[in-house]
Amino acid sequence: LPPPVGSGTMSWKRCAGCGGKIADRFLLYAMDSYWHSRCLKCSCCQAQLGEIGTSCYTKSGMILCRNDYIRLFGNSGACSACGQSIPASELVMRAQGNVYHLKCFTCSTCRNRLVPGDRFHYINGSLFCEHDRPTALINGHLNSLQTNPLLPDQKVNACFNVSECK
């Protein structure tokens, strides 16, 4: 909970966003600071966070709305392959809503890294390069695919630098 706001002139709060005095009827308290409602914005989409919900996310100096946090860092902020945290300044790869370190975005069979421009298949949570998809289907993945439909092949478009979302 935020510290109480008094009513005297000594009780003016300074906005963590713009540094100005907060004389507005409403103010926000987030990350141990007070904010004008217009100043607490998502670093990526610039949405005013007080208008879109009651929570915000922060990572590596960025303030994010829920949608952008999940888009950038996945549900957990961790790599879907190794489970380790992904720093905000690191390039990442994405597939089916999952986020990966560049080094972890590899074919499950040959372990070769998938790079922008490569075609890949995402099958039951595993990545396969275009060359290894038929081998993977023949060597035991076919039974599990009968209950989970095969997702169409995809193309790796590009890496996304999280620090460039501002």
N, C-alpha and C. Protein backbone atom coordinates (compact mmCIF):
# COMPACT_ATOMS: atom_id res chain seq x y z
N LEU A 1 0.84 -1.19 0.00
CA LEU A 1 0.00 0.00 0.00
C LEU A 1 0.87 1.24 0.00
N PRO A 2 0.41 2.28 -0.68
CA PRO A 2 1.20 3.52 -0.70
C PRO A 2 1.12 4.23 0.64
N PRO A 3 2.12 5.05 0.93
CA PRO A 3 2.04 5.88 2.13
C PRO A 3 0.88 6.85 1.99
N PRO A 4 0.27 7.28 3.09
CA PRO A 4 -0.88 8.19 2.98
C PRO A 4 -0.48 9.53 2.38
N VAL A 5 -1.42 10.13 1.65
CA VAL A 5 -1.21 11.44 1.05
C VAL A 5 -1.95 12.44 1.92
N GLY A 6 -1.24 13.43 2.45
CA GLY A 6 -1.86 14.44 3.31
C GLY A 6 -2.54 15.51 2.48
N SER A 7 -3.07 16.55 3.16
CA SER A 7 -3.80 17.59 2.44
C SER A 7 -3.07 18.93 2.44
N GLY A 8 -1.96 19.08 3.16
CA GLY A 8 -1.25 20.35 3.21
C GLY A 8 -0.29 20.51 2.06
N THR A 9 0.36 21.69 1.97
CA THR A 9 1.29 21.95 0.89
C THR A 9 2.54 21.08 1.00
N MET A 10 2.85 20.59 2.18
CA MET A 10 4.01 19.73 2.35
C MET A 10 3.73 18.32 1.83
N SER A 11 2.48 18.05 1.51
CA SER A 11 2.11 16.70 1.10
C SER A 11 2.13 16.50 -0.41
N TRP A 12 2.53 17.51 -1.19
CA TRP A 12 2.58 17.33 -2.63
C TRP A 12 3.49 16.16 -2.96
N LYS A 13 3.07 15.37 -3.87
CA LYS A 13 3.88 14.26 -4.34
C LYS A 13 4.44 14.61 -5.70
N ARG A 14 5.62 14.14 -5.97
CA ARG A 14 6.25 14.35 -7.27
C ARG A 14 6.04 13.11 -8.12
N CYS A 15 5.77 13.32 -9.38
CA CYS A 15 5.54 12.23 -10.32
C CYS A 15 6.88 11.60 -10.70
N ALA A 16 6.95 10.27 -10.62
CA ALA A 16 8.17 9.55 -11.01
C ALA A 16 8.40 9.62 -12.52
N GLY A 17 7.36 9.91 -13.28
CA GLY A 17 7.50 9.98 -14.73
C GLY A 17 8.02 11.31 -15.22
N CYS A 18 7.36 12.40 -14.83
CA CYS A 18 7.74 13.72 -15.34
C CYS A 18 8.46 14.58 -14.31
N GLY A 19 8.40 14.20 -13.04
CA GLY A 19 9.05 14.98 -11.99
C GLY A 19 8.22 16.12 -11.47
N GLY A 20 7.08 16.38 -12.09
CA GLY A 20 6.22 17.49 -11.67
C GLY A 20 5.39 17.15 -10.45
N LYS A 21 4.86 18.21 -9.82
CA LYS A 21 3.97 18.01 -8.68
C LYS A 21 2.67 17.38 -9.16
N ILE A 22 2.13 16.53 -8.33
CA ILE A 22 0.86 15.89 -8.68
C ILE A 22 -0.25 16.63 -7.95
N ALA A 23 -1.01 17.42 -8.71
CA ALA A 23 -2.13 18.17 -8.15
C ALA A 23 -3.45 17.59 -8.65
N ASP A 24 -3.38 16.53 -9.42
CA ASP A 24 -4.56 15.90 -9.98
C ASP A 24 -5.43 15.31 -8.89
N ARG A 25 -6.67 15.11 -9.18
CA ARG A 25 -7.59 14.48 -8.24
C ARG A 25 -7.18 13.04 -7.98
N PHE A 26 -6.69 12.37 -9.03
CA PHE A 26 -6.28 10.97 -8.91
C PHE A 26 -4.79 10.85 -9.20
N LEU A 27 -4.13 9.97 -8.48
CA LEU A 27 -2.74 9.68 -8.75
C LEU A 27 -2.56 8.18 -8.62
N LEU A 28 -1.50 7.69 -9.21
CA LEU A 28 -1.22 6.25 -9.18
C LEU A 28 0.01 6.00 -8.33
N TYR A 29 0.04 4.83 -7.72
CA TYR A 29 1.20 4.41 -6.94
C TYR A 29 1.67 3.08 -7.51
N ALA A 30 2.86 3.08 -8.06
CA ALA A 30 3.43 1.86 -8.65
C ALA A 30 4.93 1.90 -8.49
N MET A 31 5.53 0.75 -8.26
CA MET A 31 6.98 0.61 -8.13
C MET A 31 7.54 1.59 -7.10
N ASP A 32 6.87 1.68 -5.96
CA ASP A 32 7.28 2.52 -4.83
C ASP A 32 7.35 4.00 -5.19
N SER A 33 6.56 4.44 -6.16
CA SER A 33 6.55 5.84 -6.56
C SER A 33 5.13 6.26 -6.92
N TYR A 34 4.92 7.58 -6.87
CA TYR A 34 3.65 8.16 -7.30
C TYR A 34 3.78 8.62 -8.74
N TRP A 35 2.65 8.60 -9.45
CA TRP A 35 2.63 8.94 -10.87
C TRP A 35 1.37 9.72 -11.19
N HIS A 36 1.48 10.68 -12.13
CA HIS A 36 0.27 11.21 -12.76
C HIS A 36 -0.34 10.05 -13.54
N SER A 37 -1.64 10.01 -13.65
CA SER A 37 -2.25 8.91 -14.41
C SER A 37 -1.81 8.97 -15.88
N ARG A 38 -1.52 10.15 -16.40
CA ARG A 38 -1.08 10.26 -17.79
C ARG A 38 0.39 9.85 -17.99
N CYS A 39 1.17 9.80 -16.91
CA CYS A 39 2.60 9.52 -17.02
C CYS A 39 2.97 8.04 -16.87
N LEU A 40 2.11 7.26 -16.25
CA LEU A 40 2.42 5.84 -16.08
C LEU A 40 1.94 5.11 -17.33
N LYS A 41 2.89 4.92 -18.27
CA LYS A 41 2.57 4.35 -19.58
C LYS A 41 3.42 3.12 -19.84
N CYS A 42 2.90 2.25 -20.67
CA CYS A 42 3.66 1.09 -21.13
C CYS A 42 4.79 1.58 -22.03
N SER A 43 6.00 1.08 -21.79
CA SER A 43 7.16 1.48 -22.58
C SER A 43 7.04 1.06 -24.04
N CYS A 44 6.21 0.08 -24.33
CA CYS A 44 6.09 -0.40 -25.72
C CYS A 44 4.93 0.24 -26.46
N CYS A 45 3.72 0.09 -25.94
CA CYS A 45 2.54 0.55 -26.67
C CYS A 45 2.06 1.93 -26.24
N GLN A 46 2.67 2.50 -25.21
CA GLN A 46 2.33 3.82 -24.69
C GLN A 46 0.93 3.92 -24.09
N ALA A 47 0.28 2.79 -23.83
CA ALA A 47 -1.04 2.81 -23.20
C ALA A 47 -0.90 3.33 -21.78
N GLN A 48 -1.85 4.17 -21.37
CA GLN A 48 -1.86 4.65 -19.99
C GLN A 48 -2.33 3.50 -19.11
N LEU A 49 -1.44 3.04 -18.25
CA LEU A 49 -1.68 1.81 -17.49
C LEU A 49 -2.82 1.93 -16.51
N GLY A 50 -3.08 3.10 -16.00
CA GLY A 50 -4.20 3.30 -15.08
C GLY A 50 -5.54 3.11 -15.76
N GLU A 51 -5.58 3.27 -17.07
CA GLU A 51 -6.83 3.13 -17.81
C GLU A 51 -7.11 1.71 -18.27
N ILE A 52 -6.07 0.86 -18.33
CA ILE A 52 -6.29 -0.48 -18.89
C ILE A 52 -6.26 -1.58 -17.84
N GLY A 53 -6.05 -1.25 -16.59
CA GLY A 53 -6.06 -2.30 -15.57
C GLY A 53 -5.47 -1.83 -14.27
N THR A 54 -5.34 -2.77 -13.36
CA THR A 54 -4.83 -2.44 -12.03
C THR A 54 -3.43 -2.97 -11.80
N SER A 55 -2.80 -3.49 -12.84
CA SER A 55 -1.45 -4.02 -12.66
C SER A 55 -0.55 -3.55 -13.80
N CYS A 56 0.74 -3.52 -13.50
CA CYS A 56 1.73 -3.24 -14.52
C CYS A 56 2.93 -4.13 -14.21
N TYR A 57 3.79 -4.28 -15.19
CA TYR A 57 4.94 -5.17 -15.08
C TYR A 57 6.19 -4.36 -15.34
N THR A 58 7.26 -4.74 -14.69
CA THR A 58 8.52 -4.05 -14.92
C THR A 58 9.64 -5.07 -15.07
N LYS A 59 10.52 -4.79 -16.02
CA LYS A 59 11.68 -5.64 -16.23
C LYS A 59 12.75 -4.81 -16.91
N SER A 60 13.94 -4.82 -16.34
CA SER A 60 15.09 -4.11 -16.88
C SER A 60 14.79 -2.65 -17.21
N GLY A 61 14.13 -1.99 -16.31
CA GLY A 61 13.86 -0.56 -16.47
C GLY A 61 12.67 -0.23 -17.34
N MET A 62 12.02 -1.22 -17.91
CA MET A 62 10.84 -0.96 -18.73
C MET A 62 9.60 -1.16 -17.88
N ILE A 63 8.59 -0.35 -18.13
CA ILE A 63 7.28 -0.50 -17.51
C ILE A 63 6.37 -1.02 -18.62
N LEU A 64 5.68 -2.12 -18.35
CA LEU A 64 4.93 -2.77 -19.41
C LEU A 64 3.50 -3.10 -19.00
N CYS A 65 2.59 -3.06 -19.96
CA CYS A 65 1.25 -3.60 -19.74
C CYS A 65 1.36 -5.13 -19.81
N ARG A 66 0.33 -5.81 -19.38
CA ARG A 66 0.35 -7.27 -19.34
C ARG A 66 0.58 -7.86 -20.73
N ASN A 67 -0.12 -7.34 -21.73
CA ASN A 67 0.00 -7.89 -23.08
C ASN A 67 1.42 -7.77 -23.63
N ASP A 68 2.05 -6.62 -23.42
CA ASP A 68 3.42 -6.45 -23.94
C ASP A 68 4.42 -7.27 -23.13
N TYR A 69 4.20 -7.40 -21.83
CA TYR A 69 5.10 -8.24 -21.04
C TYR A 69 5.08 -9.68 -21.55
N ILE A 70 3.89 -10.21 -21.77
CA ILE A 70 3.76 -11.59 -22.25
C ILE A 70 4.31 -11.70 -23.67
N ARG A 71 4.06 -10.68 -24.51
CA ARG A 71 4.56 -10.71 -25.88
C ARG A 71 6.08 -10.73 -25.91
N LEU A 72 6.70 -9.97 -25.01
CA LEU A 72 8.16 -9.87 -25.01
C LEU A 72 8.85 -11.00 -24.26
N PHE A 73 8.28 -11.41 -23.15
CA PHE A 73 8.97 -12.35 -22.27
C PHE A 73 8.24 -13.67 -22.09
N GLY A 74 7.10 -13.87 -22.75
CA GLY A 74 6.34 -15.09 -22.54
C GLY A 74 5.63 -15.00 -21.20
N ASN A 75 4.92 -16.05 -20.86
CA ASN A 75 4.15 -16.03 -19.61
C ASN A 75 5.03 -15.94 -18.38
N SER A 76 6.22 -16.50 -18.45
CA SER A 76 7.06 -16.54 -17.25
C SER A 76 8.27 -15.63 -17.34
N GLY A 77 8.58 -15.07 -18.51
CA GLY A 77 9.80 -14.30 -18.67
C GLY A 77 11.02 -15.18 -18.83
N ALA A 78 10.77 -16.47 -19.02
CA ALA A 78 11.86 -17.44 -19.13
C ALA A 78 11.82 -18.12 -20.50
N CYS A 79 12.96 -18.64 -20.90
CA CYS A 79 13.08 -19.37 -22.16
C CYS A 79 12.27 -20.66 -22.08
N SER A 80 11.49 -20.94 -23.11
CA SER A 80 10.65 -22.14 -23.12
C SER A 80 11.46 -23.42 -23.26
N ALA A 81 12.70 -23.31 -23.73
CA ALA A 81 13.53 -24.51 -23.89
C ALA A 81 14.34 -24.82 -22.63
N CYS A 82 15.05 -23.83 -22.11
CA CYS A 82 15.96 -24.11 -20.97
C CYS A 82 15.40 -23.65 -19.63
N GLY A 83 14.36 -22.82 -19.64
CA GLY A 83 13.76 -22.36 -18.40
C GLY A 83 14.49 -21.21 -17.72
N GLN A 84 15.61 -20.77 -18.29
CA GLN A 84 16.38 -19.67 -17.70
C GLN A 84 15.77 -18.32 -18.08
N SER A 85 15.99 -17.33 -17.24
CA SER A 85 15.50 -15.98 -17.47
C SER A 85 16.11 -15.39 -18.74
N ILE A 86 15.33 -14.54 -19.41
CA ILE A 86 15.81 -13.88 -20.62
C ILE A 86 15.97 -12.39 -20.29
N PRO A 87 17.20 -11.88 -20.34
CA PRO A 87 17.40 -10.45 -20.07
C PRO A 87 16.66 -9.59 -21.09
N ALA A 88 16.21 -8.42 -20.67
CA ALA A 88 15.42 -7.55 -21.53
C ALA A 88 16.19 -7.07 -22.75
N SER A 89 17.51 -7.00 -22.68
CA SER A 89 18.29 -6.51 -23.81
C SER A 89 18.68 -7.60 -24.80
N GLU A 90 18.30 -8.84 -24.51
CA GLU A 90 18.71 -9.96 -25.36
C GLU A 90 17.73 -10.18 -26.51
N LEU A 91 18.28 -10.58 -27.65
CA LEU A 91 17.45 -10.97 -28.78
C LEU A 91 16.74 -12.27 -28.44
N VAL A 92 15.51 -12.41 -28.92
CA VAL A 92 14.73 -13.61 -28.65
C VAL A 92 14.10 -14.13 -29.94
N MET A 93 13.66 -15.38 -29.89
CA MET A 93 12.90 -15.99 -30.98
C MET A 93 11.57 -16.43 -30.39
N ARG A 94 10.54 -16.49 -31.24
CA ARG A 94 9.21 -16.87 -30.78
C ARG A 94 8.61 -17.95 -31.67
N ALA A 95 7.81 -18.83 -31.04
CA ALA A 95 7.03 -19.82 -31.79
C ALA A 95 5.81 -20.19 -30.95
N GLN A 96 4.66 -20.09 -31.54
CA GLN A 96 3.41 -20.47 -30.89
C GLN A 96 3.25 -19.87 -29.49
N GLY A 97 3.60 -18.61 -29.34
CA GLY A 97 3.46 -17.92 -28.07
C GLY A 97 4.57 -18.18 -27.08
N ASN A 98 5.54 -19.01 -27.43
CA ASN A 98 6.68 -19.29 -26.56
C ASN A 98 7.85 -18.41 -26.96
N VAL A 99 8.71 -18.11 -25.98
CA VAL A 99 9.87 -17.26 -26.20
C VAL A 99 11.12 -18.07 -25.90
N TYR A 100 12.18 -17.88 -26.72
CA TYR A 100 13.40 -18.67 -26.61
C TYR A 100 14.63 -17.77 -26.69
N HIS A 101 15.71 -18.15 -25.98
CA HIS A 101 17.02 -17.56 -26.26
C HIS A 101 17.38 -17.92 -27.69
N LEU A 102 18.22 -17.13 -28.34
CA LEU A 102 18.66 -17.47 -29.69
C LEU A 102 19.33 -18.84 -29.73
N LYS A 103 20.19 -19.10 -28.73
CA LYS A 103 20.93 -20.36 -28.71
C LYS A 103 20.02 -21.56 -28.44
N CYS A 104 18.85 -21.33 -27.87
CA CYS A 104 17.93 -22.43 -27.54
C CYS A 104 16.90 -22.70 -28.62
N PHE A 105 16.82 -21.85 -29.62
CA PHE A 105 15.85 -22.01 -30.70
C PHE A 105 16.46 -22.95 -31.72
N THR A 106 16.41 -24.25 -31.41
CA THR A 106 17.10 -25.27 -32.20
C THR A 106 16.16 -26.41 -32.57
N CYS A 107 16.53 -27.13 -33.59
CA CYS A 107 15.80 -28.32 -34.01
C CYS A 107 15.95 -29.39 -32.93
N SER A 108 14.86 -30.02 -32.57
CA SER A 108 14.88 -31.06 -31.54
C SER A 108 15.65 -32.30 -31.97
N THR A 109 15.82 -32.51 -33.26
CA THR A 109 16.51 -33.70 -33.75
C THR A 109 18.00 -33.44 -33.99
N CYS A 110 18.32 -32.49 -34.84
CA CYS A 110 19.73 -32.27 -35.20
C CYS A 110 20.41 -31.21 -34.34
N ARG A 111 19.66 -30.47 -33.54
CA ARG A 111 20.17 -29.43 -32.63
C ARG A 111 20.77 -28.23 -33.35
N ASN A 112 20.54 -28.13 -34.66
CA ASN A 112 21.01 -26.95 -35.39
C ASN A 112 20.12 -25.77 -35.03
N ARG A 113 20.75 -24.59 -34.89
CA ARG A 113 20.01 -23.37 -34.59
C ARG A 113 19.14 -22.99 -35.76
N LEU A 114 17.93 -22.56 -35.47
CA LEU A 114 17.04 -22.03 -36.49
C LEU A 114 17.24 -20.52 -36.52
N VAL A 115 17.41 -19.97 -37.70
CA VAL A 115 17.70 -18.55 -37.85
C VAL A 115 16.63 -17.92 -38.74
N PRO A 116 16.54 -16.58 -38.72
CA PRO A 116 15.55 -15.92 -39.58
C PRO A 116 15.67 -16.39 -41.02
N GLY A 117 14.52 -16.71 -41.61
CA GLY A 117 14.46 -17.23 -42.98
C GLY A 117 14.30 -18.74 -43.04
N ASP A 118 14.69 -19.46 -41.96
CA ASP A 118 14.53 -20.91 -41.93
C ASP A 118 13.05 -21.28 -41.79
N ARG A 119 12.68 -22.39 -42.41
CA ARG A 119 11.35 -22.94 -42.20
C ARG A 119 11.46 -23.96 -41.09
N PHE A 120 10.43 -24.01 -40.24
CA PHE A 120 10.44 -24.97 -39.14
C PHE A 120 9.04 -25.46 -38.88
N HIS A 121 8.95 -26.51 -38.11
CA HIS A 121 7.67 -27.10 -37.72
C HIS A 121 7.63 -27.15 -36.20
N TYR A 122 6.50 -26.79 -35.66
CA TYR A 122 6.29 -26.82 -34.20
C TYR A 122 5.31 -27.95 -33.94
N ILE A 123 5.82 -29.04 -33.37
CA ILE A 123 5.01 -30.24 -33.19
C ILE A 123 5.01 -30.64 -31.72
N ASN A 124 3.85 -30.60 -31.10
CA ASN A 124 3.71 -31.00 -29.69
C ASN A 124 4.75 -30.35 -28.78
N GLY A 125 4.98 -29.07 -28.97
CA GLY A 125 5.91 -28.34 -28.12
C GLY A 125 7.37 -28.44 -28.52
N SER A 126 7.68 -29.12 -29.59
CA SER A 126 9.07 -29.26 -30.05
C SER A 126 9.24 -28.58 -31.40
N LEU A 127 10.43 -28.06 -31.61
CA LEU A 127 10.79 -27.41 -32.87
C LEU A 127 11.56 -28.39 -33.75
N PHE A 128 11.25 -28.39 -35.05
CA PHE A 128 11.96 -29.24 -35.99
C PHE A 128 12.29 -28.42 -37.23
N CYS A 129 13.53 -28.55 -37.70
CA CYS A 129 13.89 -27.88 -38.95
C CYS A 129 13.14 -28.57 -40.08
N GLU A 130 13.10 -27.93 -41.22
CA GLU A 130 12.36 -28.47 -42.35
C GLU A 130 12.89 -29.84 -42.78
N HIS A 131 14.18 -30.03 -42.68
CA HIS A 131 14.80 -31.29 -43.08
C HIS A 131 14.43 -32.45 -42.15
N ASP A 132 14.31 -32.18 -40.85
CA ASP A 132 14.09 -33.26 -39.88
C ASP A 132 12.64 -33.56 -39.58
N ARG A 133 11.72 -32.84 -40.12
CA ARG A 133 10.31 -33.12 -39.84
C ARG A 133 9.90 -34.53 -40.25
N PRO A 134 10.18 -35.00 -41.46
CA PRO A 134 9.77 -36.36 -41.82
C PRO A 134 10.41 -37.41 -40.91
N THR A 135 11.68 -37.25 -40.55
CA THR A 135 12.35 -38.20 -39.66
C THR A 135 11.66 -38.22 -38.30
N ALA A 136 11.30 -37.07 -37.80
CA ALA A 136 10.65 -37.00 -36.49
C ALA A 136 9.30 -37.70 -36.53
N LEU A 137 8.58 -37.57 -37.62
CA LEU A 137 7.26 -38.20 -37.71
C LEU A 137 7.40 -39.72 -37.79
N ILE A 138 8.39 -40.20 -38.47
CA ILE A 138 8.59 -41.64 -38.62
C ILE A 138 9.08 -42.27 -37.33
N ASN A 139 9.92 -41.56 -36.58
CA ASN A 139 10.55 -42.13 -35.39
C ASN A 139 9.78 -41.92 -34.10
N GLY A 140 8.48 -42.12 -34.10
CA GLY A 140 7.76 -42.16 -32.84
C GLY A 140 6.87 -40.99 -32.51
N HIS A 141 6.95 -39.91 -33.24
CA HIS A 141 6.09 -38.77 -32.92
C HIS A 141 4.72 -38.91 -33.58
N LEU A 142 4.56 -39.87 -34.49
CA LEU A 142 3.31 -40.00 -35.22
C LEU A 142 2.14 -40.33 -34.29
N ASN A 143 2.33 -41.23 -33.32
CA ASN A 143 1.23 -41.59 -32.43
C ASN A 143 0.73 -40.39 -31.64
N SER A 144 1.64 -39.59 -31.10
CA SER A 144 1.20 -38.43 -30.32
C SER A 144 0.57 -37.38 -31.21
N LEU A 145 0.92 -37.34 -32.50
CA LEU A 145 0.32 -36.37 -33.40
C LEU A 145 -1.12 -36.71 -33.74
N GLN A 146 -1.50 -37.97 -33.59
CA GLN A 146 -2.85 -38.35 -33.92
C GLN A 146 -3.85 -37.73 -32.96
N THR A 147 -3.44 -37.42 -31.73
CA THR A 147 -4.34 -36.77 -30.80
C THR A 147 -4.18 -35.25 -30.83
N ASN A 148 -3.02 -34.76 -31.22
CA ASN A 148 -2.78 -33.32 -31.35
C ASN A 148 -2.55 -33.01 -32.82
N PRO A 149 -3.38 -32.19 -33.42
CA PRO A 149 -3.21 -31.92 -34.85
C PRO A 149 -1.87 -31.28 -35.15
N LEU A 150 -1.32 -31.61 -36.29
CA LEU A 150 -0.05 -31.05 -36.76
C LEU A 150 -0.25 -29.59 -37.12
N LEU A 151 0.59 -28.76 -36.58
CA LEU A 151 0.53 -27.36 -36.94
C LEU A 151 1.28 -27.17 -38.25
N PRO A 152 0.81 -26.29 -39.11
CA PRO A 152 1.49 -26.09 -40.38
C PRO A 152 2.89 -25.54 -40.17
N ASP A 153 3.74 -25.76 -41.18
CA ASP A 153 5.10 -25.25 -41.06
C ASP A 153 5.08 -23.73 -41.02
N GLN A 154 6.09 -23.19 -40.39
CA GLN A 154 6.19 -21.75 -40.20
C GLN A 154 7.55 -21.30 -40.69
N LYS A 155 7.69 -20.02 -40.86
CA LYS A 155 8.96 -19.45 -41.27
C LYS A 155 9.45 -18.54 -40.16
N VAL A 156 10.72 -18.67 -39.82
CA VAL A 156 11.32 -17.78 -38.83
C VAL A 156 11.45 -16.43 -39.50
N ASN A 157 10.75 -15.44 -38.97
CA ASN A 157 10.75 -14.12 -39.59
C ASN A 157 11.95 -13.29 -39.17
N ALA A 158 12.12 -13.12 -37.88
CA ALA A 158 13.22 -12.26 -37.43
C ALA A 158 13.35 -12.37 -35.93
N CYS A 159 14.46 -11.91 -35.45
CA CYS A 159 14.67 -11.78 -34.02
C CYS A 159 14.08 -10.44 -33.61
N PHE A 160 13.76 -10.32 -32.36
CA PHE A 160 13.21 -9.08 -31.84
C PHE A 160 14.05 -8.64 -30.67
N ASN A 161 14.56 -7.45 -30.72
CA ASN A 161 15.36 -6.93 -29.63
C ASN A 161 14.43 -6.24 -28.65
N VAL A 162 14.29 -6.80 -27.47
CA VAL A 162 13.37 -6.30 -26.48
C VAL A 162 13.66 -4.86 -26.14
N SER A 163 14.92 -4.47 -26.11
CA SER A 163 15.26 -3.11 -25.71
C SER A 163 14.84 -2.09 -26.75
N GLU A 164 14.48 -2.53 -27.95
CA GLU A 164 14.07 -1.59 -29.00
C GLU A 164 12.58 -1.35 -29.02
N CYS A 165 11.84 -1.86 -28.05
CA CYS A 165 10.38 -1.72 -28.10
C CYS A 165 9.92 -0.34 -27.66
N LYS A 166 10.80 0.47 -27.10
CA LYS A 166 10.39 1.79 -26.60
C LYS A 166 10.03 2.72 -27.71
